[in-house]
Amino acid sequence: MIFFIKPQYLALLFIIPLMIFVHISSIVGAKKRAVKFANFDAIKRVSGVEMFSKNLTILYLSIIIVVLLVFSISGMSFTKEVETSKVSFVLAIDSSRSMGATDIAPTRLDAAKIAAIDFLKMIPEKTRVGIISFAGTIVIEQEVTDETALLEKAINNIEVKTTGGTNALDALITSSNILINEDGKSIIFISDGNIDVNDLQSILDYSQKNNIVIHCLGVGTELGGEEEFGGFFKASEEGLKTMAEETGGKYYHVSNIEDFYSAMNDMIEITKKVAVFDMSFYLDLCAMILLFLTFFLINTRYRTLP
């Protein structure tokens, strides 16, 4: 199924009737000026070109270029049923201090790490996965790979960071960057929330601009829990729900280890069914090729005398 991320830009297609009008008007005007020449056939033989060809190739090419560019900025994409092994994942795991809370045993972070390792066992062989952790700073624990041993080691190395906040925006940007050369893409965001309102809006803007779908796992119980240094933290779901809903992903509330497994399994099933492919790069490439062809024709076959 083909769809547009920013369909409002499709209104720019109304430029096309204006282009047609200007093109036809210029041809009519050129023909009127042509009567000033006494020997049109002689000029044609000397110049080697048709001064007023009825060929509309340049107009057709220009219209196609405009259509391609408008479709590109409108975020033209399509969904396709694929196998999970053809989709690459990034597991973005919150390692901020609040993830040390014990309302999910042994801690929120430890439970997330256990579930993440089991997730690697649930996906088909050769599925490519990347791992990042985030708190006040972002750490790329493992670039995208299909080496399960490396991924497990990276997950096990994640520890709670006692300083800094929850830098969700940079976590998203980093996840997107390490997926940039992959075909199918899926970001799984595991956090207990507490996302800054300004960051949330920036996340939504960035996601919509780059056609990113985020699945969010909200970790923590309604009652909250205490971490080893005596801090008490409740989970904050609203920001995570908004991230998932506004980017076309799915939100899962996780209050125990079983919820983790259920959510991970469901995301695999979703990914098996549909992957989103952004067509902007290919549309821009086609537009550039046609633009070069148009320039070539204007300066060769369809050139006019000064």
Protein backbone atom coordinates (compact mmCIF):
# COMPACT_ATOMS: atom_id res chain seq x y z
CA MET A 1 0.00 0.00 0.00
CA ILE A 2 1.35 3.44 -0.95
CA PHE A 3 0.81 6.34 1.46
CA PHE A 4 2.16 9.84 2.16
CA ILE A 5 3.64 10.96 5.49
CA LYS A 6 2.94 14.66 4.74
CA PRO A 7 0.01 14.66 2.29
CA GLN A 8 -0.51 18.43 2.65
CA TYR A 9 2.43 19.00 0.30
CA LEU A 10 0.55 17.25 -2.50
CA ALA A 11 -1.18 20.60 -3.01
CA LEU A 12 2.01 21.66 -4.82
CA LEU A 13 0.85 19.53 -7.76
CA PHE A 14 -1.37 22.47 -8.70
CA ILE A 15 1.82 24.00 -10.11
CA ILE A 16 1.47 21.65 -13.09
CA PRO A 17 -1.51 23.40 -14.78
CA LEU A 18 0.40 26.69 -14.44
CA MET A 19 3.44 25.09 -16.10
CA ILE A 20 1.29 23.86 -19.00
CA PHE A 21 -0.26 27.32 -19.44
CA VAL A 22 3.13 29.09 -19.44
CA HIS A 23 4.60 26.53 -21.86
CA ILE A 24 1.76 26.84 -24.36
CA SER A 25 1.75 30.63 -24.05
CA SER A 26 5.47 30.77 -24.80
CA ILE A 27 5.02 28.62 -27.92
CA VAL A 28 2.19 30.83 -29.19
CA GLY A 29 4.26 33.96 -28.51
CA ALA A 30 7.29 32.50 -30.25
CA LYS A 31 5.26 31.68 -33.36
CA LYS A 32 3.99 35.25 -33.55
CA ARG A 33 7.53 36.59 -33.36
CA ALA A 34 8.68 34.13 -36.03
CA VAL A 35 6.87 36.01 -38.85
CA LYS A 36 9.56 38.70 -38.66
CA PHE A 37 11.97 36.31 -40.41
CA ALA A 38 11.66 36.25 -44.19
CA ASN A 39 13.31 32.88 -44.79
CA PHE A 40 12.45 30.53 -41.94
CA ASP A 41 13.45 27.37 -43.87
CA ALA A 42 16.89 28.77 -44.59
CA ILE A 43 17.48 29.56 -40.93
CA LYS A 44 16.39 26.04 -40.03
CA ARG A 45 18.88 24.50 -42.51
CA VAL A 46 21.75 26.68 -41.31
CA SER A 47 21.13 26.17 -37.59
CA GLY A 48 20.42 22.47 -37.81
CA VAL A 49 17.57 22.72 -35.28
CA GLU A 50 13.83 23.18 -35.36
CA MET A 51 13.18 26.60 -33.92
CA PHE A 52 9.54 26.02 -33.06
CA SER A 53 9.12 22.27 -32.72
CA LYS A 54 5.72 21.00 -31.71
CA ASN A 55 7.48 18.33 -29.66
CA LEU A 56 6.33 18.57 -26.04
CA THR A 57 9.09 16.37 -24.61
CA ILE A 58 10.54 19.13 -22.40
CA LEU A 59 7.12 19.87 -20.95
CA TYR A 60 6.48 16.20 -20.23
CA LEU A 61 9.89 15.83 -18.56
CA SER A 62 9.34 18.96 -16.47
CA ILE A 63 5.96 17.72 -15.28
CA ILE A 64 7.41 14.33 -14.33
CA ILE A 65 10.25 16.05 -12.39
CA VAL A 66 7.75 18.18 -10.46
CA VAL A 67 5.61 15.13 -9.65
CA LEU A 68 8.65 13.19 -8.40
CA LEU A 69 9.84 16.06 -6.19
CA VAL A 70 6.38 16.71 -4.75
CA PHE A 71 5.93 13.02 -3.97
CA SER A 72 9.36 13.01 -2.31
CA ILE A 73 8.73 15.96 0.05
CA SER A 74 5.29 14.50 0.78
CA GLY A 75 7.03 11.43 2.21
CA MET A 76 5.82 8.88 -0.32
CA SER A 77 6.25 5.42 1.19
CA PHE A 78 4.85 1.97 0.78
CA THR A 79 4.19 -0.98 3.04
CA LYS A 80 5.14 -4.50 2.10
CA GLU A 81 4.77 -7.85 3.76
CA VAL A 82 8.22 -9.16 4.63
CA GLU A 83 9.86 -11.81 6.75
CA THR A 84 11.31 -10.60 10.04
CA SER A 85 14.81 -11.56 8.89
CA LYS A 86 14.56 -8.82 6.24
CA VAL A 87 13.97 -6.15 8.89
CA SER A 88 16.74 -4.64 11.00
CA PHE A 89 16.06 -3.65 14.61
CA VAL A 90 17.59 -1.27 17.10
CA LEU A 91 16.92 -1.97 20.76
CA ALA A 92 17.16 1.40 22.52
CA ILE A 93 17.37 0.60 26.24
CA ASP A 94 16.94 3.27 28.94
CA SER A 95 19.79 3.01 31.46
CA SER A 96 18.95 6.08 33.56
CA ARG A 97 18.86 5.91 37.35
CA SER A 98 15.10 5.28 37.50
CA MET A 99 15.62 1.99 35.61
CA GLY A 100 17.27 0.66 38.76
CA ALA A 101 13.89 0.60 40.54
CA THR A 102 12.89 -2.82 41.85
CA ASP A 103 9.14 -2.79 41.17
CA ILE A 104 9.96 -5.27 38.37
CA ALA A 105 12.32 -7.94 39.72
CA PRO A 106 15.23 -7.91 39.92
CA THR A 107 15.25 -4.33 38.55
CA ARG A 108 13.58 -2.65 35.61
CA LEU A 109 16.85 -2.61 33.68
CA ASP A 110 17.77 -6.20 34.49
CA ALA A 111 14.34 -7.39 33.40
CA ALA A 112 14.69 -5.40 30.17
CA LYS A 113 18.12 -6.96 29.52
CA ILE A 114 16.80 -10.49 30.10
CA ALA A 115 13.89 -9.86 27.73
CA ALA A 116 16.18 -8.29 25.12
CA ILE A 117 18.44 -11.36 25.11
CA ASP A 118 15.41 -13.63 24.78
CA PHE A 119 14.22 -11.41 21.92
CA LEU A 120 17.42 -12.31 20.05
CA LYS A 121 16.48 -15.98 20.39
CA MET A 122 12.93 -15.36 19.12
CA ILE A 123 13.84 -13.66 15.84
CA PRO A 124 14.97 -15.68 12.78
CA GLU A 125 18.65 -16.33 12.16
CA LYS A 126 20.58 -13.59 10.35
CA THR A 127 18.21 -10.87 11.52
CA ARG A 128 20.31 -7.74 12.00
CA VAL A 129 20.07 -5.92 15.33
CA GLY A 130 21.79 -2.92 16.90
CA ILE A 131 21.94 -2.02 20.61
CA ILE A 132 22.13 1.42 22.22
CA SER A 133 21.72 2.53 25.83
CA PHE A 134 20.69 6.01 26.84
CA ALA A 135 20.52 8.17 29.93
CA GLY A 136 22.02 11.67 29.92
CA THR A 137 24.37 10.45 27.19
CA ILE A 138 23.98 7.90 24.41
CA VAL A 139 26.17 4.82 24.07
CA ILE A 140 26.22 2.67 20.94
CA GLU A 141 26.70 -0.67 22.65
CA GLN A 142 26.74 -2.58 19.35
CA GLU A 143 26.41 -1.55 15.72
CA VAL A 144 23.85 -3.44 13.62
CA THR A 145 24.96 -7.06 13.21
CA ASP A 146 23.58 -10.58 12.99
CA GLU A 147 26.21 -11.96 15.41
CA THR A 148 24.11 -13.04 18.40
CA ALA A 149 27.11 -13.46 20.71
CA LEU A 150 28.18 -9.84 20.17
CA LEU A 151 24.64 -8.61 20.77
CA GLU A 152 24.23 -10.59 23.98
CA LYS A 153 27.55 -9.29 25.28
CA ALA A 154 26.52 -5.72 24.48
CA ILE A 155 23.22 -6.10 26.33
CA ASN A 156 24.88 -7.65 29.37
CA ASN A 157 27.34 -4.74 29.54
CA ILE A 158 24.60 -2.13 30.01
CA GLU A 159 24.59 -0.71 33.55
CA VAL A 160 22.47 1.88 35.34
CA LYS A 161 23.92 5.36 35.10
CA THR A 162 23.42 7.33 38.31
CA THR A 163 23.86 10.78 36.72
CA GLY A 164 22.09 12.53 33.89
CA GLY A 165 18.50 12.37 32.76
CA THR A 166 16.69 10.54 29.96
CA ASN A 167 17.90 11.89 26.61
CA ALA A 168 15.23 10.28 24.45
CA LEU A 169 15.71 12.63 21.48
CA ASP A 170 19.38 11.80 20.95
CA ALA A 171 18.57 8.13 21.51
CA LEU A 172 16.12 8.26 18.62
CA ILE A 173 18.52 10.13 16.34
CA THR A 174 21.34 7.68 17.11
CA SER A 175 19.05 4.70 16.49
CA SER A 176 17.98 6.17 13.17
CA ASN A 177 21.58 6.83 12.14
CA ILE A 178 22.81 3.29 12.72
CA LEU A 179 19.86 1.96 10.70
CA ILE A 180 20.44 4.32 7.80
CA ASN A 181 21.90 1.69 5.44
CA GLU A 182 19.39 -1.03 6.33
CA ASP A 183 16.37 -1.94 4.20
CA GLY A 184 13.48 -2.60 6.59
CA LYS A 185 13.82 -0.66 9.87
CA SER A 186 12.24 -0.97 13.32
CA ILE A 187 13.14 0.85 16.55
CA ILE A 188 12.13 -0.71 19.87
CA PHE A 189 12.26 1.90 22.62
CA ILE A 190 12.43 0.44 26.15
CA SER A 191 12.06 3.04 28.91
CA ASP A 192 10.12 4.00 32.03
CA GLY A 193 9.28 7.35 30.46
CA ASN A 194 9.94 10.71 32.11
CA ILE A 195 10.55 12.35 28.73
CA ASP A 196 10.87 16.14 28.62
CA VAL A 197 7.92 17.83 26.86
CA ASN A 198 10.21 19.81 24.53
CA ASP A 199 12.13 16.65 23.66
CA LEU A 200 8.87 14.86 22.91
CA GLN A 201 7.82 17.42 20.30
CA SER A 202 11.28 17.31 18.72
CA ILE A 203 11.07 13.51 18.63
CA LEU A 204 7.74 13.63 16.83
CA ASP A 205 9.01 16.22 14.33
CA TYR A 206 12.15 14.19 13.63
CA SER A 207 10.21 10.93 13.31
CA GLN A 208 7.70 12.38 10.85
CA LYS A 209 10.42 14.02 8.79
CA ASN A 210 12.44 10.80 8.56
CA ASN A 211 9.54 8.34 8.34
CA ILE A 212 10.48 6.51 11.56
CA VAL A 213 8.13 4.07 13.28
CA ILE A 214 8.79 3.56 17.00
CA HIS A 215 7.44 0.76 19.16
CA CYS A 216 7.58 1.68 22.85
CA LEU A 217 7.71 -0.50 25.95
CA GLY A 218 6.75 1.44 29.07
CA VAL A 219 8.54 -0.25 31.97
CA GLY A 220 7.30 0.01 35.57
CA THR A 221 4.28 -0.51 37.79
CA GLU A 222 1.63 2.02 38.74
CA LEU A 223 2.87 2.00 42.33
CA GLY A 224 6.48 2.62 41.29
CA GLY A 225 9.59 1.33 42.96
CA GLU A 226 12.73 2.26 44.88
CA GLU A 227 16.28 1.97 43.54
CA GLU A 228 19.43 1.16 45.50
CA PHE A 229 20.27 4.76 46.42
CA GLY A 230 16.86 5.36 47.96
CA GLY A 231 15.19 7.20 45.08
CA PHE A 232 11.56 6.33 44.35
CA PHE A 233 10.36 6.36 40.76
CA LYS A 234 7.00 5.86 39.12
CA ALA A 235 6.73 4.99 35.46
CA SER A 236 5.55 7.76 33.15
CA GLU A 237 3.60 6.35 30.21
CA GLU A 238 2.13 9.39 28.46
CA GLY A 239 5.24 10.45 26.53
CA LEU A 240 5.92 6.90 25.36
CA LYS A 241 2.31 6.39 24.30
CA THR A 242 2.42 9.60 22.28
CA MET A 243 5.71 8.59 20.63
CA ALA A 244 4.27 5.25 19.52
CA GLU A 245 0.86 6.51 18.42
CA GLU A 246 2.13 9.55 16.51
CA THR A 247 4.78 7.57 14.60
CA GLY A 248 2.52 4.66 13.66
CA GLY A 249 4.07 2.29 16.19
CA LYS A 250 2.56 0.36 19.07
CA TYR A 251 2.75 0.95 22.82
CA TYR A 252 3.08 -1.82 25.42
CA HIS A 253 2.84 -1.41 29.18
CA VAL A 254 5.29 -3.71 30.96
CA SER A 255 4.76 -4.37 34.66
CA ASN A 256 6.37 -7.83 34.88
CA ILE A 257 8.72 -10.07 32.94
CA GLU A 258 5.83 -11.90 31.25
CA ASP A 259 4.66 -8.59 29.75
CA PHE A 260 8.10 -8.20 28.20
CA TYR A 261 7.86 -11.54 26.42
CA SER A 262 4.33 -10.85 25.21
CA ALA A 263 5.31 -7.44 23.83
CA MET A 264 8.45 -8.70 22.10
CA ASN A 265 6.59 -11.58 20.49
CA ASP A 266 3.81 -9.29 19.30
CA MET A 267 6.31 -6.88 17.72
CA ILE A 268 7.90 -9.74 15.81
CA GLU A 269 4.49 -10.74 14.46
CA ILE A 270 3.74 -7.12 13.47
CA THR A 271 7.07 -6.80 11.71
CA LYS A 272 6.51 -10.07 9.84
CA LYS A 273 3.36 -8.65 8.35
CA VAL A 274 4.33 -5.12 7.37
CA ALA A 275 7.48 -3.11 6.86
CA VAL A 276 7.54 0.54 5.75
CA PHE A 277 9.84 1.60 2.91
CA ASP A 278 10.64 5.26 2.29
CA MET A 279 10.75 6.07 -1.44
CA SER A 280 12.15 9.62 -1.13
CA PHE A 281 15.74 8.73 -2.10
CA TYR A 282 14.67 6.92 -5.27
CA LEU A 283 12.24 9.70 -6.23
CA ASP A 284 14.97 12.33 -5.78
CA LEU A 285 17.42 10.21 -7.80
CA CYS A 286 14.95 9.86 -10.70
CA ALA A 287 14.25 13.60 -10.59
CA MET A 288 17.99 14.38 -10.81
CA ILE A 289 18.45 12.04 -13.78
CA LEU A 290 15.49 13.59 -15.63
CA LEU A 291 16.72 17.09 -14.77
CA PHE A 292 20.08 16.27 -16.38
CA LEU A 293 18.29 14.80 -19.42
CA THR A 294 16.17 17.93 -19.76
CA PHE A 295 19.26 20.16 -19.56
CA PHE A 296 20.97 18.02 -22.21
CA LEU A 297 18.01 18.21 -24.59
CA ILE A 298 17.54 21.95 -24.16
CA ASN A 299 21.18 22.53 -25.04
CA THR A 300 21.31 20.09 -27.97
CA ARG A 301 18.26 18.85 -29.86
CA TYR A 302 15.82 21.49 -28.68
CA ARG A 303 18.11 24.49 -28.45
CA THR A 304 17.03 27.74 -30.07
CA LEU A 305 19.06 30.42 -31.81
CA PRO A 306 20.06 33.49 -29.77
